[in-house]
Amino acid sequence: MIGANLITDITGLRVGNAQDHAALTGVTVIVPDKPAVCGVDVRGGGPGTRETDALAPENLVEAVDAIVLSGGSVYGLAAADGVVAALGARGLGFGLIDLPGVPKSPVVPSAILYDLANGGDKAWGETPPYRALGIDALTAAGRDFAIGAAGAGLGARAGAVRGGLGSASAILADGIRVGALVAVNSFGSVTIPGTDVFWAWPLELGSEAGGRRPDADMPPVDADDWGAAKINPALMTDTGRTNTTIACVATDVALTPAQAKRVAQMASAGLARAIRPVFAPFDGDVVFALSTATRTGIDVTPLTIARIGNAAADVLARAVMRGVHAAQTA
């Protein structure tokens, strides 16, 4: 790990959280200091997203002004409206032609998770809180931010236990930095059946997620035993299908849109290392990948992309553990 063990250890990134504790929901905004190249990988069977098509490498826009992760299911997509409005008021955004009096168009892709059935007060009528929460999260953006029961992770559930917002970072041998941020609201379990040990425990650095380790005589895991998932076929339990894990990984290396997409695809393996099952038909799992391009002197070869993508997967798995651990120990 490096620095604060947060995605903001990547030079050129800020993160802000905003919460509505009565509604048990929140928003997290990732803000690059300048427009950043971005890719996305959508794996879940029930995603809720905005502007992800714009990130395809063959399309016009190559950089984003912010990324929004939000609770609230479809209502949460309005958080990006607030961020767009606030950034546009600052004169930021994409402008194909610079004309007087013509506002620019901030590019703010977003993804949402389902937390509508978590017991919070959702009687908001025609005024859901997400647009305001988006603006508040943008205003709060800085290098330091809370994890656990915060931002988009406030009302999340990780399988049958409390989920949360997690983050982690790493530095490779040649100085390349990689970080991750995730709101864990998974259908699957983050722990091995019958234990409180995280699936991704071999990747933990120190005791950043509590230092839990399996017993030497732990029996093999049955393929149909999903442990503390929201449904466990082995026990015929069903605690709901209110799901989706949404994340962003980042590096300081300059990437092309196609390279960023490959990093996002590889980073999704981090969710598979930390959650079982994952990418289910009732998950909306989405991973964004940002490049701040603040590190120079790196020859970006296919091997470089493989190293960044693998590190992003490991860091994302660690972020999942940290987010759930922080939420449960708050």
C-alpha atoms as a PDB file:
ATOM      1  CA  MET A   1       0.000   0.000   0.000  1.00  0.00           C
ATOM      2  CA  ILE A   2       1.047   3.626  -0.364  1.00  0.00           C
ATOM      3  CA  GLY A   3       0.133   6.853   1.362  1.00  0.00           C
ATOM      4  CA  ALA A   4      -3.326   6.758   2.890  1.00  0.00           C
ATOM      5  CA  ASN A   5      -4.210   3.434   1.193  1.00  0.00           C
ATOM      6  CA  LEU A   6      -6.902   5.232  -0.815  1.00  0.00           C
ATOM      7  CA  ILE A   7      -7.568   5.757  -4.511  1.00  0.00           C
ATOM      8  CA  THR A   8      -6.517   9.376  -3.977  1.00  0.00           C
ATOM      9  CA  ASP A   9      -2.930   8.145  -3.560  1.00  0.00           C
ATOM     10  CA  ILE A  10      -3.075   8.340  -7.366  1.00  0.00           C
ATOM     11  CA  THR A  11      -1.865  11.843  -8.120  1.00  0.00           C
ATOM     12  CA  GLY A  12      -4.577  13.972  -9.699  1.00  0.00           C
ATOM     13  CA  LEU A  13      -7.663  12.465  -8.054  1.00  0.00           C
ATOM     14  CA  ARG A  14     -10.094  13.706  -5.398  1.00  0.00           C
ATOM     15  CA  VAL A  15     -13.094  11.913  -3.876  1.00  0.00           C
ATOM     16  CA  GLY A  16     -16.152  13.304  -2.127  1.00  0.00           C
ATOM     17  CA  ASN A  17     -18.976  11.625  -0.196  1.00  0.00           C
ATOM     18  CA  ALA A  18     -22.456  12.815   0.695  1.00  0.00           C
ATOM     19  CA  GLN A  19     -25.077  10.939   2.717  1.00  0.00           C
ATOM     20  CA  ASP A  20     -28.752  11.087   3.615  1.00  0.00           C
ATOM     21  CA  HIS A  21     -28.852   9.161   6.896  1.00  0.00           C
ATOM     22  CA  ALA A  22     -32.637   9.227   7.139  1.00  0.00           C
ATOM     23  CA  ALA A  23     -32.976   7.608   3.723  1.00  0.00           C
ATOM     24  CA  LEU A  24     -29.949   5.348   4.329  1.00  0.00           C
ATOM     25  CA  THR A  25     -28.362   6.204   1.009  1.00  0.00           C
ATOM     26  CA  GLY A  26     -25.539   8.250  -0.415  1.00  0.00           C
ATOM     27  CA  VAL A  27     -23.337   9.328  -3.297  1.00  0.00           C
ATOM     28  CA  THR A  28     -19.608   9.190  -3.993  1.00  0.00           C
ATOM     29  CA  VAL A  29     -17.929  11.308  -6.675  1.00  0.00           C
ATOM     30  CA  ILE A  30     -14.446  10.730  -8.120  1.00  0.00           C
ATOM     31  CA  VAL A  31     -13.023  13.948  -9.563  1.00  0.00           C
ATOM     32  CA  PRO A  32      -9.811  14.163 -11.622  1.00  0.00           C
ATOM     33  CA  ASP A  33      -7.915  17.439 -11.435  1.00  0.00           C
ATOM     34  CA  LYS A  34      -8.144  17.564 -15.225  1.00  0.00           C
ATOM     35  CA  PRO A  35     -10.200  15.489 -17.708  1.00  0.00           C
ATOM     36  CA  ALA A  36      -9.034  11.878 -17.500  1.00  0.00           C
ATOM     37  CA  VAL A  37      -9.150   9.013 -19.977  1.00  0.00           C
ATOM     38  CA  CYS A  38     -11.684   6.436 -18.814  1.00  0.00           C
ATOM     39  CA  GLY A  39     -12.779   2.917 -19.698  1.00  0.00           C
ATOM     40  CA  VAL A  40     -15.591   0.795 -18.311  1.00  0.00           C
ATOM     41  CA  ASP A  41     -16.485  -2.864 -17.914  1.00  0.00           C
ATOM     42  CA  VAL A  42     -20.112  -3.831 -17.270  1.00  0.00           C
ATOM     43  CA  ARG A  43     -20.423  -7.411 -16.006  1.00  0.00           C
ATOM     44  CA  GLY A  44     -23.592  -7.610 -13.943  1.00  0.00           C
ATOM     45  CA  GLY A  45     -26.861  -8.823 -15.409  1.00  0.00           C
ATOM     46  CA  GLY A  46     -28.912  -5.863 -14.153  1.00  0.00           C
ATOM     47  CA  PRO A  47     -26.793  -2.702 -14.488  1.00  0.00           C
ATOM     48  CA  GLY A  48     -27.930   0.884 -14.074  1.00  0.00           C
ATOM     49  CA  THR A  49     -25.562   3.308 -15.784  1.00  0.00           C
ATOM     50  CA  ARG A  50     -25.238   6.680 -17.475  1.00  0.00           C
ATOM     51  CA  GLU A  51     -22.848   7.679 -20.310  1.00  0.00           C
ATOM     52  CA  THR A  52     -21.046   4.338 -20.398  1.00  0.00           C
ATOM     53  CA  ASP A  53     -21.583   4.057 -24.164  1.00  0.00           C
ATOM     54  CA  ALA A  54     -19.681   7.314 -24.572  1.00  0.00           C
ATOM     55  CA  LEU A  55     -16.594   5.587 -23.156  1.00  0.00           C
ATOM     56  CA  ALA A  56     -16.289   3.085 -26.023  1.00  0.00           C
ATOM     57  CA  PRO A  57     -12.794   3.545 -27.535  1.00  0.00           C
ATOM     58  CA  GLU A  58     -14.213   4.197 -31.018  1.00  0.00           C
ATOM     59  CA  ASN A  59     -16.392   7.089 -29.853  1.00  0.00           C
ATOM     60  CA  LEU A  60     -15.672  10.826 -29.832  1.00  0.00           C
ATOM     61  CA  VAL A  61     -15.180  11.718 -26.175  1.00  0.00           C
ATOM     62  CA  GLU A  62     -11.894  10.415 -24.760  1.00  0.00           C
ATOM     63  CA  ALA A  63     -11.902  11.904 -21.264  1.00  0.00           C
ATOM     64  CA  VAL A  64     -14.297  12.395 -18.362  1.00  0.00           C
ATOM     65  CA  ASP A  65     -14.766  15.224 -15.869  1.00  0.00           C
ATOM     66  CA  ALA A  66     -16.007  13.036 -13.002  1.00  0.00           C
ATOM     67  CA  ILE A  67     -17.333   9.578 -12.133  1.00  0.00           C
ATOM     68  CA  VAL A  68     -20.403   9.167  -9.914  1.00  0.00           C
ATOM     69  CA  LEU A  69     -21.228   6.090  -7.823  1.00  0.00           C
ATOM     70  CA  SER A  70     -24.648   6.313  -6.206  1.00  0.00           C
ATOM     71  CA  GLY A  71     -27.214   4.477  -4.177  1.00  0.00           C
ATOM     72  CA  GLY A  72     -30.880   4.815  -5.041  1.00  0.00           C
ATOM     73  CA  SER A  73     -31.242   2.526  -8.043  1.00  0.00           C
ATOM     74  CA  VAL A  74     -32.711   4.489 -10.995  1.00  0.00           C
ATOM     75  CA  TYR A  75     -33.309   7.513  -8.761  1.00  0.00           C
ATOM     76  CA  GLY A  76     -29.590   7.643  -8.052  1.00  0.00           C
ATOM     77  CA  LEU A  77     -28.778   8.385 -11.691  1.00  0.00           C
ATOM     78  CA  ALA A  78     -29.930  11.942 -10.906  1.00  0.00           C
ATOM     79  CA  ALA A  79     -26.772  12.408  -8.803  1.00  0.00           C
ATOM     80  CA  ALA A  80     -24.839  12.831 -12.040  1.00  0.00           C
ATOM     81  CA  ASP A  81     -27.285  15.595 -13.073  1.00  0.00           C
ATOM     82  CA  GLY A  82     -26.195  17.575 -10.032  1.00  0.00           C
ATOM     83  CA  VAL A  83     -22.512  17.003 -10.742  1.00  0.00           C
ATOM     84  CA  VAL A  84     -22.956  17.982 -14.396  1.00  0.00           C
ATOM     85  CA  ALA A  85     -24.761  21.178 -13.408  1.00  0.00           C
ATOM     86  CA  ALA A  86     -22.105  22.147 -10.876  1.00  0.00           C
ATOM     87  CA  LEU A  87     -19.189  21.424 -13.204  1.00  0.00           C
ATOM     88  CA  GLY A  88     -20.907  23.224 -16.073  1.00  0.00           C
ATOM     89  CA  ALA A  89     -21.391  26.280 -13.858  1.00  0.00           C
ATOM     90  CA  ARG A  90     -17.604  26.276 -13.398  1.00  0.00           C
ATOM     91  CA  GLY A  91     -17.124  26.332 -17.165  1.00  0.00           C
ATOM     92  CA  LEU A  92     -15.835  22.763 -17.258  1.00  0.00           C
ATOM     93  CA  GLY A  93     -16.711  20.075 -19.767  1.00  0.00           C
ATOM     94  CA  PHE A  94     -16.453  19.026 -23.388  1.00  0.00           C
ATOM     95  CA  GLY A  95     -16.956  21.600 -26.112  1.00  0.00           C
ATOM     96  CA  LEU A  96     -16.600  20.548 -29.723  1.00  0.00           C
ATOM     97  CA  ILE A  97     -16.690  24.203 -30.752  1.00  0.00           C
ATOM     98  CA  ASP A  98     -15.948  27.064 -28.362  1.00  0.00           C
ATOM     99  CA  LEU A  99     -18.747  29.576 -28.924  1.00  0.00           C
ATOM    100  CA  PRO A 100     -19.663  32.552 -26.708  1.00  0.00           C
ATOM    101  CA  GLY A 101     -22.735  31.867 -24.589  1.00  0.00           C
ATOM    102  CA  VAL A 102     -22.752  28.130 -25.368  1.00  0.00           C
ATOM    103  CA  PRO A 103     -22.185  26.056 -22.208  1.00  0.00           C
ATOM    104  CA  LYS A 104     -19.786  23.146 -22.270  1.00  0.00           C
ATOM    105  CA  SER A 105     -20.986  19.616 -21.615  1.00  0.00           C
ATOM    106  CA  PRO A 106     -19.354  17.908 -18.612  1.00  0.00           C
ATOM    107  CA  VAL A 107     -18.829  14.197 -19.222  1.00  0.00           C
ATOM    108  CA  VAL A 108     -19.896  12.384 -16.045  1.00  0.00           C
ATOM    109  CA  PRO A 109     -20.463   8.629 -16.408  1.00  0.00           C
ATOM    110  CA  SER A 110     -22.167   7.011 -13.444  1.00  0.00           C
ATOM    111  CA  ALA A 111     -23.390   3.724 -12.027  1.00  0.00           C
ATOM    112  CA  ILE A 112     -25.962   2.972  -9.352  1.00  0.00           C
ATOM    113  CA  LEU A 113     -26.635   0.268  -6.791  1.00  0.00           C
ATOM    114  CA  TYR A 114     -29.966  -0.873  -5.364  1.00  0.00           C
ATOM    115  CA  ASP A 115     -30.491   0.152  -1.746  1.00  0.00           C
ATOM    116  CA  LEU A 116     -34.208   1.019  -1.873  1.00  0.00           C
ATOM    117  CA  ALA A 117     -35.279  -1.839   0.419  1.00  0.00           C
ATOM    118  CA  ASN A 118     -32.790  -1.265   3.225  1.00  0.00           C
ATOM    119  CA  GLY A 119     -35.261   0.243   5.702  1.00  0.00           C
ATOM    120  CA  GLY A 120     -34.453   3.917   5.185  1.00  0.00           C
ATOM    121  CA  ASP A 121     -37.133   6.547   4.643  1.00  0.00           C
ATOM    122  CA  LYS A 122     -37.654   6.645   0.879  1.00  0.00           C
ATOM    123  CA  ALA A 123     -40.883   8.693   0.977  1.00  0.00           C
ATOM    124  CA  TRP A 124     -39.340  11.470  -1.080  1.00  0.00           C
ATOM    125  CA  GLY A 125     -42.226  11.905  -3.506  1.00  0.00           C
ATOM    126  CA  GLU A 126     -41.130  13.908  -6.541  1.00  0.00           C
ATOM    127  CA  THR A 127     -37.928  15.169  -4.941  1.00  0.00           C
ATOM    128  CA  PRO A 128     -35.442  12.317  -4.464  1.00  0.00           C
ATOM    129  CA  PRO A 129     -32.268  13.583  -2.750  1.00  0.00           C
ATOM    130  CA  TYR A 130     -29.728  12.427  -5.313  1.00  0.00           C
ATOM    131  CA  ARG A 131     -29.225  15.578  -7.381  1.00  0.00           C
ATOM    132  CA  ALA A 132     -28.460  17.534  -4.211  1.00  0.00           C
ATOM    133  CA  LEU A 133     -26.292  14.703  -2.879  1.00  0.00           C
ATOM    134  CA  GLY A 134     -24.290  14.723  -6.110  1.00  0.00           C
ATOM    135  CA  ILE A 135     -23.565  18.437  -5.730  1.00  0.00           C
ATOM    136  CA  ASP A 136     -22.685  17.999  -2.049  1.00  0.00           C
ATOM    137  CA  ALA A 137     -20.315  15.110  -2.815  1.00  0.00           C
ATOM    138  CA  LEU A 138     -18.599  17.134  -5.530  1.00  0.00           C
ATOM    139  CA  THR A 139     -18.206  20.071  -3.147  1.00  0.00           C
ATOM    140  CA  ALA A 140     -16.704  17.753  -0.512  1.00  0.00           C
ATOM    141  CA  ALA A 141     -14.148  16.214  -2.885  1.00  0.00           C
ATOM    142  CA  GLY A 142     -10.634  16.075  -1.493  1.00  0.00           C
ATOM    143  CA  ARG A 143      -7.658  13.788  -1.029  1.00  0.00           C
ATOM    144  CA  ASP A 144      -9.025  12.324   2.212  1.00  0.00           C
ATOM    145  CA  PHE A 145     -12.452  10.717   2.557  1.00  0.00           C
ATOM    146  CA  ALA A 146     -14.298   8.238   4.744  1.00  0.00           C
ATOM    147  CA  ILE A 147     -14.725   4.554   3.943  1.00  0.00           C
ATOM    148  CA  GLY A 148     -17.178   2.036   5.408  1.00  0.00           C
ATOM    149  CA  ALA A 149     -20.703   3.351   6.030  1.00  0.00           C
ATOM    150  CA  ALA A 150     -20.205   6.420   3.866  1.00  0.00           C
ATOM    151  CA  GLY A 151     -21.137   7.821   0.472  1.00  0.00           C
ATOM    152  CA  ALA A 152     -22.564   5.308  -1.970  1.00  0.00           C
ATOM    153  CA  GLY A 153     -21.850   2.548   0.553  1.00  0.00           C
ATOM    154  CA  LEU A 154     -23.978   3.949   3.383  1.00  0.00           C
ATOM    155  CA  GLY A 155     -27.004   1.707   2.815  1.00  0.00           C
ATOM    156  CA  ALA A 156     -25.200  -1.187   1.134  1.00  0.00           C
ATOM    157  CA  ARG A 157     -25.314  -4.878   2.032  1.00  0.00           C
ATOM    158  CA  ALA A 158     -22.530  -7.342   1.226  1.00  0.00           C
ATOM    159  CA  GLY A 159     -24.524 -10.516   0.924  1.00  0.00           C
ATOM    160  CA  ALA A 160     -26.235 -11.013   4.281  1.00  0.00           C
ATOM    161  CA  VAL A 161     -23.962  -8.576   6.171  1.00  0.00           C
ATOM    162  CA  ARG A 162     -23.445  -4.832   6.102  1.00  0.00           C
ATOM    163  CA  GLY A 163     -21.595  -3.569   3.044  1.00  0.00           C
ATOM    164  CA  GLY A 164     -19.814  -0.291   2.562  1.00  0.00           C
ATOM    165  CA  LEU A 165     -17.421   1.947   0.677  1.00  0.00           C
ATOM    166  CA  GLY A 166     -13.864   0.639   0.373  1.00  0.00           C
ATOM    167  CA  SER A 167     -10.610   1.881  -1.084  1.00  0.00           C
ATOM    168  CA  ALA A 168      -7.009   0.719  -1.391  1.00  0.00           C
ATOM    169  CA  SER A 169      -3.831   1.511  -3.305  1.00  0.00           C
ATOM    170  CA  ALA A 170      -0.539  -0.050  -4.392  1.00  0.00           C
ATOM    171  CA  ILE A 171       2.751   0.934  -5.986  1.00  0.00           C
ATOM    172  CA  LEU A 172       4.602  -1.321  -8.430  1.00  0.00           C
ATOM    173  CA  ALA A 173       8.348  -1.862  -8.598  1.00  0.00           C
ATOM    174  CA  ASP A 174       8.870   0.885 -11.192  1.00  0.00           C
ATOM    175  CA  GLY A 175       6.742   3.425  -9.317  1.00  0.00           C
ATOM    176  CA  ILE A 176       3.457   2.926 -11.181  1.00  0.00           C
ATOM    177  CA  ARG A 177       0.548   3.646  -8.861  1.00  0.00           C
ATOM    178  CA  VAL A 178      -2.775   1.839  -8.891  1.00  0.00           C
ATOM    179  CA  GLY A 179      -5.805   2.480  -6.698  1.00  0.00           C
ATOM    180  CA  ALA A 180      -9.409   1.351  -6.299  1.00  0.00           C
ATOM    181  CA  LEU A 181     -12.696   2.600  -4.851  1.00  0.00           C
ATOM    182  CA  VAL A 182     -15.753   0.377  -4.476  1.00  0.00           C
ATOM    183  CA  ALA A 183     -19.282   0.469  -3.072  1.00  0.00           C
ATOM    184  CA  VAL A 184     -19.943  -3.133  -1.990  1.00  0.00           C
ATOM    185  CA  ASN A 185     -23.621  -4.046  -2.247  1.00  0.00           C
ATOM    186  CA  SER A 186     -23.108  -7.553  -3.505  1.00  0.00           C
ATOM    187  CA  PHE A 187     -25.568 -10.380  -4.009  1.00  0.00           C
ATOM    188  CA  GLY A 188     -22.754 -12.789  -3.178  1.00  0.00           C
ATOM    189  CA  SER A 189     -20.834 -13.288   0.038  1.00  0.00           C
ATOM    190  CA  VAL A 190     -17.458 -11.705   0.749  1.00  0.00           C
ATOM    191  CA  THR A 191     -16.564 -14.405   3.302  1.00  0.00           C
ATOM    192  CA  ILE A 192     -15.856 -18.135   3.144  1.00  0.00           C
ATOM    193  CA  PRO A 193     -18.936 -20.194   4.174  1.00  0.00           C
ATOM    194  CA  GLY A 194     -19.095 -20.881   7.886  1.00  0.00           C
ATOM    195  CA  THR A 195     -16.382 -18.331   8.719  1.00  0.00           C
ATOM    196  CA  ASP A 196     -15.772 -14.601   8.982  1.00  0.00           C
ATOM    197  CA  VAL A 197     -12.690 -14.910   6.744  1.00  0.00           C
ATOM    198  CA  PHE A 198     -12.729 -12.878   3.558  1.00  0.00           C
ATOM    199  CA  TRP A 199     -12.472 -14.778   0.276  1.00  0.00           C
ATOM    200  CA  ALA A 200      -9.699 -12.391  -0.752  1.00  0.00           C
ATOM    201  CA  TRP A 201      -7.686 -12.800   2.466  1.00  0.00           C
ATOM    202  CA  PRO A 202      -4.430 -13.868   0.701  1.00  0.00           C
ATOM    203  CA  LEU A 203      -4.302 -10.395  -0.890  1.00  0.00           C
ATOM    204  CA  GLU A 204      -4.659  -8.458   2.375  1.00  0.00           C
ATOM    205  CA  LEU A 205      -1.698  -6.260   3.298  1.00  0.00           C
ATOM    206  CA  GLY A 206      -1.013  -6.322   7.013  1.00  0.00           C
ATOM    207  CA  SER A 207      -4.290  -6.158   8.909  1.00  0.00           C
ATOM    208  CA  GLU A 208      -5.973  -3.554   6.695  1.00  0.00           C
ATOM    209  CA  ALA A 209      -9.195  -5.608   6.750  1.00  0.00           C
ATOM    210  CA  GLY A 210      -8.943  -7.130  10.210  1.00  0.00           C
ATOM    211  CA  GLY A 211      -6.313  -9.805   9.535  1.00  0.00           C
ATOM    212  CA  ARG A 212      -8.732 -12.753   9.577  1.00  0.00           C
ATOM    213  CA  ARG A 213      -7.226 -16.074   8.446  1.00  0.00           C
ATOM    214  CA  PRO A 214      -8.775 -19.536   7.803  1.00  0.00           C
ATOM    215  CA  ASP A 215      -8.085 -22.549  10.007  1.00  0.00           C
ATOM    216  CA  ALA A 216      -5.637 -25.068   8.614  1.00  0.00           C
ATOM    217  CA  ASP A 217      -8.289 -27.820   8.736  1.00  0.00           C
ATOM    218  CA  MET A 218     -11.050 -25.841   7.016  1.00  0.00           C
ATOM    219  CA  PRO A 219     -13.067 -28.273   4.848  1.00  0.00           C
ATOM    220  CA  PRO A 220     -13.502 -27.777   1.079  1.00  0.00           C
ATOM    221  CA  VAL A 221     -16.303 -25.452   0.038  1.00  0.00           C
ATOM    222  CA  ASP A 222     -19.307 -27.038  -1.650  1.00  0.00           C
ATOM    223  CA  ALA A 223     -20.064 -25.575  -5.075  1.00  0.00           C
ATOM    224  CA  ASP A 224     -23.661 -24.843  -4.060  1.00  0.00           C
ATOM    225  CA  ASP A 225     -22.821 -23.405  -0.641  1.00  0.00           C
ATOM    226  CA  TRP A 226     -22.697 -19.629  -1.036  1.00  0.00           C
ATOM    227  CA  GLY A 227     -22.328 -18.941   2.670  1.00  0.00           C
ATOM    228  CA  ALA A 228     -23.533 -15.481   3.652  1.00  0.00           C
ATOM    229  CA  ALA A 229     -24.835 -14.552   0.216  1.00  0.00           C
ATOM    230  CA  LYS A 230     -28.315 -13.038  -0.038  1.00  0.00           C
ATOM    231  CA  ILE A 231     -29.492 -16.457  -1.275  1.00  0.00           C
ATOM    232  CA  ASN A 232     -27.801 -19.737  -0.337  1.00  0.00           C
ATOM    233  CA  PRO A 233     -28.990 -22.746  -2.381  1.00  0.00           C
ATOM    234  CA  ALA A 234     -27.388 -25.124   0.125  1.00  0.00           C
ATOM    235  CA  LEU A 235     -29.599 -23.769   2.922  1.00  0.00           C
ATOM    236  CA  MET A 236     -32.511 -22.509   0.820  1.00  0.00           C
ATOM    237  CA  THR A 237     -32.187 -19.048   2.391  1.00  0.00           C
ATOM    238  CA  ASP A 238     -33.291 -15.878   0.642  1.00  0.00           C
ATOM    239  CA  THR A 239     -32.687 -12.439   2.159  1.00  0.00           C
ATOM    240  CA  GLY A 240     -33.381 -10.397  -0.947  1.00  0.00           C
ATOM    241  CA  ARG A 241     -31.984  -9.446  -4.298  1.00  0.00           C
ATOM    242  CA  THR A 242     -31.046  -5.842  -3.578  1.00  0.00           C
ATOM    243  CA  ASN A 243     -27.654  -5.842  -5.165  1.00  0.00           C
ATOM    244  CA  THR A 244     -24.822  -4.395  -7.267  1.00  0.00           C
ATOM    245  CA  THR A 245     -21.152  -3.653  -6.643  1.00  0.00           C
ATOM    246  CA  ILE A 246     -19.865  -0.535  -8.414  1.00  0.00           C
ATOM    247  CA  ALA A 247     -16.232   0.493  -8.541  1.00  0.00           C
ATOM    248  CA  CYS A 248     -13.531   2.654 -10.053  1.00  0.00           C
ATOM    249  CA  VAL A 249      -9.850   1.790 -10.417  1.00  0.00           C
ATOM    250  CA  ALA A 250      -7.195   4.297 -11.392  1.00  0.00           C
ATOM    251  CA  THR A 251      -3.562   4.613 -12.411  1.00  0.00           C
ATOM    252  CA  ASP A 252      -1.203   7.536 -12.879  1.00  0.00           C
ATOM    253  CA  VAL A 253       0.111   6.082 -16.170  1.00  0.00           C
ATOM    254  CA  ALA A 254      -1.088   7.680 -19.424  1.00  0.00           C
ATOM    255  CA  LEU A 255      -3.463   5.235 -21.134  1.00  0.00           C
ATOM    256  CA  THR A 256      -5.473   5.335 -24.334  1.00  0.00           C
ATOM    257  CA  PRO A 257      -9.235   4.721 -24.125  1.00  0.00           C
ATOM    258  CA  ALA A 258      -8.710   1.173 -25.428  1.00  0.00           C
ATOM    259  CA  GLN A 259      -6.029   0.504 -22.832  1.00  0.00           C
ATOM    260  CA  ALA A 260      -8.241   1.907 -20.075  1.00  0.00           C
ATOM    261  CA  LYS A 261     -11.042  -0.423 -21.147  1.00  0.00           C
ATOM    262  CA  ARG A 262      -8.696  -3.413 -20.944  1.00  0.00           C
ATOM    263  CA  VAL A 263      -7.613  -2.362 -17.444  1.00  0.00           C
ATOM    264  CA  ALA A 264     -11.285  -2.107 -16.416  1.00  0.00           C
ATOM    265  CA  GLN A 265     -11.925  -5.595 -17.795  1.00  0.00           C
ATOM    266  CA  MET A 266      -8.960  -7.045 -15.926  1.00  0.00           C
ATOM    267  CA  ALA A 267      -9.878  -5.169 -12.750  1.00  0.00           C
ATOM    268  CA  SER A 268     -13.279  -6.864 -12.708  1.00  0.00           C
ATOM    269  CA  ALA A 269     -11.418 -10.042 -11.770  1.00  0.00           C
ATOM    270  CA  GLY A 270     -10.862  -8.383  -8.400  1.00  0.00           C
ATOM    271  CA  LEU A 271     -14.570  -8.632  -7.688  1.00  0.00           C
ATOM    272  CA  ALA A 272     -14.418 -12.335  -8.564  1.00  0.00           C
ATOM    273  CA  ARG A 273     -11.523 -12.751  -6.131  1.00  0.00           C
ATOM    274  CA  ALA A 274     -13.495 -11.119  -3.315  1.00  0.00           C
ATOM    275  CA  ILE A 275     -17.177 -12.021  -3.846  1.00  0.00           C
ATOM    276  CA  ARG A 276     -18.926 -15.361  -4.466  1.00  0.00           C
ATOM    277  CA  PRO A 277     -21.040 -15.555  -6.557  1.00  0.00           C
ATOM    278  CA  VAL A 278     -20.491 -12.410  -8.620  1.00  0.00           C
ATOM    279  CA  PHE A 279     -21.785 -10.939 -11.914  1.00  0.00           C
ATOM    280  CA  ALA A 280     -25.107 -12.711 -11.307  1.00  0.00           C
ATOM    281  CA  PRO A 281     -28.277 -11.963 -13.318  1.00  0.00           C
ATOM    282  CA  PHE A 282     -29.541  -9.749 -10.475  1.00  0.00           C
ATOM    283  CA  ASP A 283     -26.240  -7.866  -9.971  1.00  0.00           C
ATOM    284  CA  GLY A 284     -25.407  -4.636 -11.793  1.00  0.00           C
ATOM    285  CA  ASP A 285     -21.648  -4.864 -11.321  1.00  0.00           C
ATOM    286  CA  VAL A 286     -19.690  -2.092 -13.089  1.00  0.00           C
ATOM    287  CA  VAL A 287     -15.995  -1.144 -12.969  1.00  0.00           C
ATOM    288  CA  PHE A 288     -14.607   2.129 -14.341  1.00  0.00           C
ATOM    289  CA  ALA A 289     -10.874   2.659 -14.991  1.00  0.00           C
ATOM    290  CA  LEU A 290      -9.302   6.128 -14.917  1.00  0.00           C
ATOM    291  CA  SER A 291      -5.910   7.332 -16.150  1.00  0.00           C
ATOM    292  CA  THR A 292      -4.681  10.604 -14.643  1.00  0.00           C
ATOM    293  CA  ALA A 293      -1.536  10.585 -16.852  1.00  0.00           C
ATOM    294  CA  THR A 294       0.497  12.250 -14.104  1.00  0.00           C
ATOM    295  CA  ARG A 295       3.433   9.823 -14.373  1.00  0.00           C
ATOM    296  CA  THR A 296       5.894  10.245 -17.243  1.00  0.00           C
ATOM    297  CA  GLY A 297       8.706   8.085 -18.548  1.00  0.00           C
ATOM    298  CA  ILE A 298       6.697   4.842 -18.644  1.00  0.00           C
ATOM    299  CA  ASP A 299       6.802   2.817 -21.864  1.00  0.00           C
ATOM    300  CA  VAL A 300       3.232   1.524 -22.050  1.00  0.00           C
ATOM    301  CA  THR A 301       3.543  -1.889 -23.685  1.00  0.00           C
ATOM    302  CA  PRO A 302       1.017  -4.731 -23.610  1.00  0.00           C
ATOM    303  CA  LEU A 303       2.997  -6.121 -20.660  1.00  0.00           C
ATOM    304  CA  THR A 304       2.608  -2.791 -18.856  1.00  0.00           C
ATOM    305  CA  ILE A 305      -1.157  -2.987 -19.336  1.00  0.00           C
ATOM    306  CA  ALA A 306      -1.157  -6.565 -18.023  1.00  0.00           C
ATOM    307  CA  ARG A 307       0.729  -5.467 -14.902  1.00  0.00           C
ATOM    308  CA  ILE A 308      -1.568  -2.495 -14.271  1.00  0.00           C
ATOM    309  CA  GLY A 309      -4.683  -4.595 -14.869  1.00  0.00           C
ATOM    310  CA  ASN A 310      -3.551  -7.358 -12.533  1.00  0.00           C
ATOM    311  CA  ALA A 311      -2.601  -4.867  -9.832  1.00  0.00           C
ATOM    312  CA  ALA A 312      -5.976  -3.145 -10.273  1.00  0.00           C
ATOM    313  CA  ALA A 313      -7.751  -6.480  -9.708  1.00  0.00           C
ATOM    314  CA  ASP A 314      -5.764  -7.149  -6.534  1.00  0.00           C
ATOM    315  CA  VAL A 315      -6.284  -3.605  -5.209  1.00  0.00           C
ATOM    316  CA  LEU A 316     -10.011  -3.787  -5.960  1.00  0.00           C
ATOM    317  CA  ALA A 317     -10.296  -7.069  -4.029  1.00  0.00           C
ATOM    318  CA  ARG A 318      -8.529  -5.417  -1.089  1.00  0.00           C
ATOM    319  CA  ALA A 319     -10.869  -2.426  -1.327  1.00  0.00           C
ATOM    320  CA  VAL A 320     -13.865  -4.779  -1.080  1.00  0.00           C
ATOM    321  CA  MET A 321     -12.484  -6.259   2.137  1.00  0.00           C
ATOM    322  CA  ARG A 322     -11.603  -2.854   3.599  1.00  0.00           C
ATOM    323  CA  GLY A 323     -15.039  -1.419   2.832  1.00  0.00           C
ATOM    324  CA  VAL A 324     -16.962  -4.276   4.448  1.00  0.00           C
ATOM    325  CA  HIS A 325     -14.613  -4.445   7.433  1.00  0.00           C
ATOM    326  CA  ALA A 326     -14.830  -0.678   8.010  1.00  0.00           C
ATOM    327  CA  ALA A 327     -18.641  -0.717   7.799  1.00  0.00           C
ATOM    328  CA  GLN A 328     -18.929  -3.562  10.282  1.00  0.00           C
ATOM    329  CA  THR A 329     -16.492  -2.106  12.798  1.00  0.00           C
ATOM    330  CA  ALA A 330     -17.738   1.499  12.695  1.00  0.00           C
END
